[in-house]
PDB file of N, CA and C in Angstrom:
ATOM      1  N   UNK A   1      96.863 107.232  43.070  1.00  0.00           N
ATOM      2  CA  UNK A   1      97.730 108.167  42.414  1.00  0.00           C
ATOM      3  C   UNK A   1      98.542 107.498  41.323  1.00  0.00           C
ATOM      4  N   UNK A   2      99.154 106.355  41.638  1.00  0.00           N
ATOM      5  CA  UNK A   2      99.992 105.685  40.647  1.00  0.00           C
ATOM      6  C   UNK A   2      99.153 105.130  39.503  1.00  0.00           C
ATOM      7  N   UNK A   3      97.959 104.605  39.804  1.00  0.00           N
ATOM      8  CA  UNK A   3      97.097 104.077  38.743  1.00  0.00           C
ATOM      9  C   UNK A   3      96.659 105.193  37.810  1.00  0.00           C
ATOM     10  N   UNK A   4      96.320 106.344  38.374  1.00  0.00           N
ATOM     11  CA  UNK A   4      95.936 107.491  37.547  1.00  0.00           C
ATOM     12  C   UNK A   4      97.103 107.893  36.664  1.00  0.00           C
ATOM     13  N   UNK A   5      98.293 107.928  37.230  1.00  0.00           N
ATOM     14  CA  UNK A   5      99.489 108.300  36.475  1.00  0.00           C
ATOM     15  C   UNK A   5      99.781 107.259  35.392  1.00  0.00           C
ATOM     16  N   UNK A   6      99.645 105.979  35.726  1.00  0.00           N
ATOM     17  CA  UNK A   6      99.854 104.913  34.743  1.00  0.00           C
ATOM     18  C   UNK A   6      98.911 105.060  33.558  1.00  0.00           C
ATOM     19  N   UNK A   7      97.624 105.297  33.845  1.00  0.00           N
ATOM     20  CA  UNK A   7      96.621 105.422  32.787  1.00  0.00           C
ATOM     21  C   UNK A   7      96.868 106.641  31.907  1.00  0.00           C
ATOM     22  N   UNK A   8      97.476 107.676  32.468  1.00  0.00           N
ATOM     23  CA  UNK A   8      97.716 108.895  31.692  1.00  0.00           C
ATOM     24  C   UNK A   8      98.824 108.690  30.664  1.00  0.00           C
ATOM     25  N   UNK A   9      99.666 107.671  30.885  1.00  0.00           N
ATOM     26  CA  UNK A   9     100.777 107.425  29.977  1.00  0.00           C
ATOM     27  C   UNK A   9     101.946 108.373  30.173  1.00  0.00           C
ATOM     28  N   UNK A  10     101.868 109.217  31.190  1.00  0.00           N
ATOM     29  CA  UNK A  10     102.942 110.176  31.455  1.00  0.00           C
ATOM     30  C   UNK A  10     104.048 109.512  32.269  1.00  0.00           C
ATOM     31  N   UNK A  11     105.290 109.964  32.092  1.00  0.00           N
ATOM     32  CA  UNK A  11     106.396 109.388  32.866  1.00  0.00           C
ATOM     33  C   UNK A  11     106.275 109.741  34.348  1.00  0.00           C
ATOM     34  N   UNK A  12     106.862 108.902  35.194  1.00  0.00           N
ATOM     35  CA  UNK A  12     106.849 109.152  36.633  1.00  0.00           C
ATOM     36  C   UNK A  12     107.862 110.244  36.955  1.00  0.00           C
ATOM     37  N   UNK A  13     107.336 111.422  37.228  1.00  0.00           N
ATOM     38  CA  UNK A  13     108.142 112.547  37.693  1.00  0.00           C
ATOM     39  C   UNK A  13     107.452 113.099  38.918  1.00  0.00           C
ATOM     40  N   UNK A  14     108.149 113.894  39.686  1.00  0.00           N
ATOM     41  CA  UNK A  14     107.537 114.503  40.871  1.00  0.00           C
ATOM     42  C   UNK A  14     106.312 115.305  40.477  1.00  0.00           C
ATOM     43  N   UNK A  15     106.435 116.134  39.458  1.00  0.00           N
ATOM     44  CA  UNK A  15     105.318 116.986  39.029  1.00  0.00           C
ATOM     45  C   UNK A  15     104.126 116.159  38.559  1.00  0.00           C
ATOM     46  N   UNK A  16     104.369 115.130  37.761  1.00  0.00           N
ATOM     47  CA  UNK A  16     103.270 114.302  37.269  1.00  0.00           C
ATOM     48  C   UNK A  16     102.609 113.516  38.395  1.00  0.00           C
ATOM     49  N   UNK A  17     103.391 113.050  39.366  1.00  0.00           N
ATOM     50  CA  UNK A  17     102.821 112.330  40.503  1.00  0.00           C
ATOM     51  C   UNK A  17     101.951 113.258  41.338  1.00  0.00           C
ATOM     52  N   UNK A  18     102.427 114.459  41.618  1.00  0.00           N
ATOM     53  CA  UNK A  18     101.629 115.430  42.380  1.00  0.00           C
ATOM     54  C   UNK A  18     100.335 115.730  41.645  1.00  0.00           C
ATOM     55  N   UNK A  19     100.417 115.968  40.343  1.00  0.00           N
ATOM     56  CA  UNK A  19      99.211 116.252  39.557  1.00  0.00           C
ATOM     57  C   UNK A  19      98.226 115.090  39.612  1.00  0.00           C
ATOM     58  N   UNK A  20      98.729 113.853  39.549  1.00  0.00           N
ATOM     59  CA  UNK A  20      97.856 112.682  39.615  1.00  0.00           C
ATOM     60  C   UNK A  20      97.207 112.567  40.990  1.00  0.00           C
ATOM     61  N   UNK A  21      97.986 112.752  42.051  1.00  0.00           N
ATOM     62  CA  UNK A  21      97.435 112.664  43.407  1.00  0.00           C
ATOM     63  C   UNK A  21      96.387 113.741  43.653  1.00  0.00           C
ATOM     64  N   UNK A  22      96.586 114.913  43.073  1.00  0.00           N
ATOM     65  CA  UNK A  22      95.628 116.007  43.254  1.00  0.00           C
ATOM     66  C   UNK A  22      94.296 115.724  42.565  1.00  0.00           C
ATOM     67  N   UNK A  23      94.223 114.697  41.748  1.00  0.00           N
ATOM     68  CA  UNK A  23      92.978 114.320  41.078  1.00  0.00           C
ATOM     69  C   UNK A  23      92.131 113.366  41.918  1.00  0.00           C
ATOM     70  N   UNK A  24      92.685 112.868  43.032  1.00  0.00           N
ATOM     71  CA  UNK A  24      91.933 111.935  43.879  1.00  0.00           C
ATOM     72  C   UNK A  24      90.801 112.695  44.555  1.00  0.00           C
ATOM     73  N   UNK A  25      89.578 112.205  44.333  1.00  0.00           N
ATOM     74  CA  UNK A  25      88.394 112.882  44.849  1.00  0.00           C
ATOM     75  C   UNK A  25      87.399 111.826  45.325  1.00  0.00           C
ATOM     76  N   UNK A  26      87.060 111.866  46.607  1.00  0.00           N
ATOM     77  CA  UNK A  26      86.058 110.954  47.139  1.00  0.00           C
ATOM     78  C   UNK A  26      86.554 109.535  47.348  1.00  0.00           C
ATOM     79  N   UNK A  27      87.815 109.364  47.718  1.00  0.00           N
ATOM     80  CA  UNK A  27      88.382 108.034  47.963  1.00  0.00           C
ATOM     81  C   UNK A  27      87.939 107.536  49.333  1.00  0.00           C
ATOM     82  N   UNK A  28      87.311 106.366  49.360  1.00  0.00           N
ATOM     83  CA  UNK A  28      86.851 105.770  50.615  1.00  0.00           C
ATOM     84  C   UNK A  28      87.707 104.551  50.920  1.00  0.00           C
ATOM     85  N   UNK A  29      88.588 104.673  51.914  1.00  0.00           N
ATOM     86  CA  UNK A  29      89.417 103.545  52.331  1.00  0.00           C
ATOM     87  C   UNK A  29      88.673 102.623  53.290  1.00  0.00           C
ATOM     88  N   UNK A  30      87.482 103.036  53.721  1.00  0.00           N
ATOM     89  CA  UNK A  30      86.678 102.211  54.606  1.00  0.00           C
ATOM     90  C   UNK A  30      87.061 102.294  56.069  1.00  0.00           C
ATOM     91  N   UNK A  31      87.901 103.249  56.448  1.00  0.00           N
ATOM     92  CA  UNK A  31      88.346 103.338  57.843  1.00  0.00           C
ATOM     93  C   UNK A  31      88.173 104.733  58.431  1.00  0.00           C
ATOM     94  N   UNK A  32      87.610 105.640  57.705  1.00  0.00           N
ATOM     95  CA  UNK A  32      87.476 107.004  58.207  1.00  0.00           C
ATOM     96  C   UNK A  32      86.764 107.863  57.185  1.00  0.00           C
ATOM     97  N   UNK A  33      87.043 109.149  57.219  1.00  0.00           N
ATOM     98  CA  UNK A  33      86.358 110.051  56.296  1.00  0.00           C
ATOM     99  C   UNK A  33      86.779 109.808  54.844  1.00  0.00           C
ATOM    100  N   UNK A  34      85.944 110.261  53.933  1.00  0.00           N
ATOM    101  CA  UNK A  34      86.244 110.201  52.503  1.00  0.00           C
ATOM    102  C   UNK A  34      87.417 111.148  52.235  1.00  0.00           C
ATOM    103  N   UNK A  35      88.376 110.705  51.419  1.00  0.00           N
ATOM    104  CA  UNK A  35      89.597 111.471  51.174  1.00  0.00           C
ATOM    105  C   UNK A  35      89.532 112.172  49.827  1.00  0.00           C
ATOM    106  N   UNK A  36      89.858 113.450  49.841  1.00  0.00           N
ATOM    107  CA  UNK A  36      89.918 114.255  48.625  1.00  0.00           C
ATOM    108  C   UNK A  36      91.170 115.105  48.675  1.00  0.00           C
ATOM    109  N   UNK A  37      91.863 115.171  47.565  1.00  0.00           N
ATOM    110  CA  UNK A  37      93.043 116.022  47.435  1.00  0.00           C
ATOM    111  C   UNK A  37      92.776 117.082  46.374  1.00  0.00           C
ATOM    112  N   UNK A  38      93.629 118.070  46.299  1.00  0.00           N
ATOM    113  CA  UNK A  38      93.540 119.105  45.279  1.00  0.00           C
ATOM    114  C   UNK A  38      94.765 119.991  45.353  1.00  0.00           C
ATOM    115  N   UNK A  39      94.866 120.965  44.440  1.00  0.00           N
ATOM    116  CA  UNK A  39      96.035 121.850  44.414  1.00  0.00           C
ATOM    117  C   UNK A  39      96.307 122.550  45.745  1.00  0.00           C
ATOM    118  N   UNK A  40      95.262 122.856  46.499  1.00  0.00           N
ATOM    119  CA  UNK A  40      95.460 123.521  47.790  1.00  0.00           C
ATOM    120  C   UNK A  40      95.079 122.600  48.954  1.00  0.00           C
ATOM    121  N   UNK A  41      94.919 121.314  48.675  1.00  0.00           N
ATOM    122  CA  UNK A  41      94.535 120.346  49.713  1.00  0.00           C
ATOM    123  C   UNK A  41      95.419 119.104  49.577  1.00  0.00           C
ATOM    124  N   UNK A  42      96.503 119.083  50.341  1.00  0.00           N
ATOM    125  CA  UNK A  42      97.446 117.969  50.275  1.00  0.00           C
ATOM    126  C   UNK A  42      97.409 117.088  51.516  1.00  0.00           C
ATOM    127  N   UNK A  43      96.593 117.433  52.502  1.00  0.00           N
ATOM    128  CA  UNK A  43      96.471 116.615  53.711  1.00  0.00           C
ATOM    129  C   UNK A  43      95.127 115.908  53.674  1.00  0.00           C
ATOM    130  N   UNK A  44      95.152 114.595  53.687  1.00  0.00           N
ATOM    131  CA  UNK A  44      93.921 113.819  53.560  1.00  0.00           C
ATOM    132  C   UNK A  44      93.039 113.933  54.800  1.00  0.00           C
ATOM    133  N   UNK A  45      93.644 113.961  55.969  1.00  0.00           N
ATOM    134  CA  UNK A  45      92.878 113.952  57.208  1.00  0.00           C
ATOM    135  C   UNK A  45      93.737 114.473  58.350  1.00  0.00           C
ATOM    136  N   UNK A  46      93.082 114.903  59.399  1.00  0.00           N
ATOM    137  CA  UNK A  46      93.783 115.338  60.608  1.00  0.00           C
ATOM    138  C   UNK A  46      93.903 114.203  61.615  1.00  0.00           C
ATOM    139  N   UNK A  47      93.380 113.034  61.284  1.00  0.00           N
ATOM    140  CA  UNK A  47      93.405 111.886  62.189  1.00  0.00           C
ATOM    141  C   UNK A  47      94.380 110.832  61.693  1.00  0.00           C
ATOM    142  N   UNK A  48      94.760 109.954  62.606  1.00  0.00           N
ATOM    143  CA  UNK A  48      95.636 108.833  62.274  1.00  0.00           C
ATOM    144  C   UNK A  48      94.953 107.556  62.751  1.00  0.00           C
ATOM    145  N   UNK A  49      94.964 106.528  61.919  1.00  0.00           N
ATOM    146  CA  UNK A  49      94.394 105.234  62.270  1.00  0.00           C
ATOM    147  C   UNK A  49      95.474 104.183  62.149  1.00  0.00           C
ATOM    148  N   UNK A  50      95.545 103.313  63.137  1.00  0.00           N
ATOM    149  CA  UNK A  50      96.409 102.147  62.995  1.00  0.00           C
ATOM    150  C   UNK A  50      95.700 101.167  62.080  1.00  0.00           C
ATOM    151  N   UNK A  51      96.367 100.719  61.034  1.00  0.00           N
ATOM    152  CA  UNK A  51      95.736  99.818  60.075  1.00  0.00           C
ATOM    153  C   UNK A  51      96.676  98.694  59.671  1.00  0.00           C
ATOM    154  N   UNK A  52      96.076  97.632  59.179  1.00  0.00           N
ATOM    155  CA  UNK A  52      96.810  96.519  58.577  1.00  0.00           C
ATOM    156  C   UNK A  52      96.060  96.122  57.307  1.00  0.00           C
ATOM    157  N   UNK A  53      96.742  95.410  56.437  1.00  0.00           N
ATOM    158  CA  UNK A  53      96.083  94.839  55.267  1.00  0.00           C
ATOM    159  C   UNK A  53      95.721  93.397  55.583  1.00  0.00           C
ATOM    160  N   UNK A  54      94.473  93.017  55.260  1.00  0.00           N
ATOM    161  CA  UNK A  54      94.078  91.628  55.485  1.00  0.00           C
ATOM    162  C   UNK A  54      94.538  90.760  54.307  1.00  0.00           C
ATOM    163  N   UNK A  55      94.149  89.493  54.298  1.00  0.00           N
ATOM    164  CA  UNK A  55      94.597  88.555  53.260  1.00  0.00           C
ATOM    165  C   UNK A  55      94.112  88.944  51.866  1.00  0.00           C
ATOM    166  N   UNK A  56      93.041  89.718  51.792  1.00  0.00           N
ATOM    167  CA  UNK A  56      92.514  90.173  50.503  1.00  0.00           C
ATOM    168  C   UNK A  56      93.020  91.569  50.149  1.00  0.00           C
ATOM    169  N   UNK A  57      94.039  92.047  50.881  1.00  0.00           N
ATOM    170  CA  UNK A  57      94.655  93.369  50.653  1.00  0.00           C
ATOM    171  C   UNK A  57      93.672  94.513  50.887  1.00  0.00           C
ATOM    172  N   UNK A  58      92.777  94.331  51.871  1.00  0.00           N
ATOM    173  CA  UNK A  58      91.862  95.398  52.278  1.00  0.00           C
ATOM    174  C   UNK A  58      92.342  95.962  53.605  1.00  0.00           C
ATOM    175  N   UNK A  59      92.152  97.272  53.778  1.00  0.00           N
ATOM    176  CA  UNK A  59      92.535  97.912  55.034  1.00  0.00           C
ATOM    177  C   UNK A  59      91.603  97.473  56.147  1.00  0.00           C
ATOM    178  N   UNK A  60      92.177  97.164  57.289  1.00  0.00           N
ATOM    179  CA  UNK A  60      91.425  96.857  58.505  1.00  0.00           C
ATOM    180  C   UNK A  60      91.990  97.717  59.616  1.00  0.00           C
ATOM    181  N   UNK A  61      91.089  98.320  60.397  1.00  0.00           N
ATOM    182  CA  UNK A  61      91.530  99.163  61.505  1.00  0.00           C
ATOM    183  C   UNK A  61      92.061  98.289  62.639  1.00  0.00           C
ATOM    184  N   UNK A  62      93.190  98.693  63.216  1.00  0.00           N
ATOM    185  CA  UNK A  62      93.770  97.993  64.359  1.00  0.00           C
ATOM    186  C   UNK A  62      93.094  98.448  65.639  1.00  0.00           C
ATOM    187  N   UNK A  63      92.789  97.516  66.513  1.00  0.00           N
ATOM    188  CA  UNK A  63      92.290  97.861  67.837  1.00  0.00           C
ATOM    189  C   UNK A  63      93.509  98.176  68.685  1.00  0.00           C
ATOM    190  N   UNK A  64      93.713  99.456  68.987  1.00  0.00           N
ATOM    191  CA  UNK A  64      94.926  99.880  69.682  1.00  0.00           C
ATOM    192  C   UNK A  64      94.692 100.101  71.172  1.00  0.00           C
ATOM    193  N   UNK A  65      93.599  99.579  71.684  1.00  0.00           N
ATOM    194  CA  UNK A  65      93.313  99.737  73.111  1.00  0.00           C
ATOM    195  C   UNK A  65      93.769  98.539  73.893  1.00  0.00           C
TER     196      UNK A  65
END
């Protein structure tokens, strides 16, 4: 969202941030379903995953058992 907003050259406002986030389509974080947002879709998923960032700043799923 922030990278999209940065590239657009628009100032950081609530409206511009929402518009940028709504452009995210097919984002794969590597830990669950592909994430897509839109004007009527603001919830990425109905699931929650425990995650951490590894040394390369990649998401890794936590074993919570």
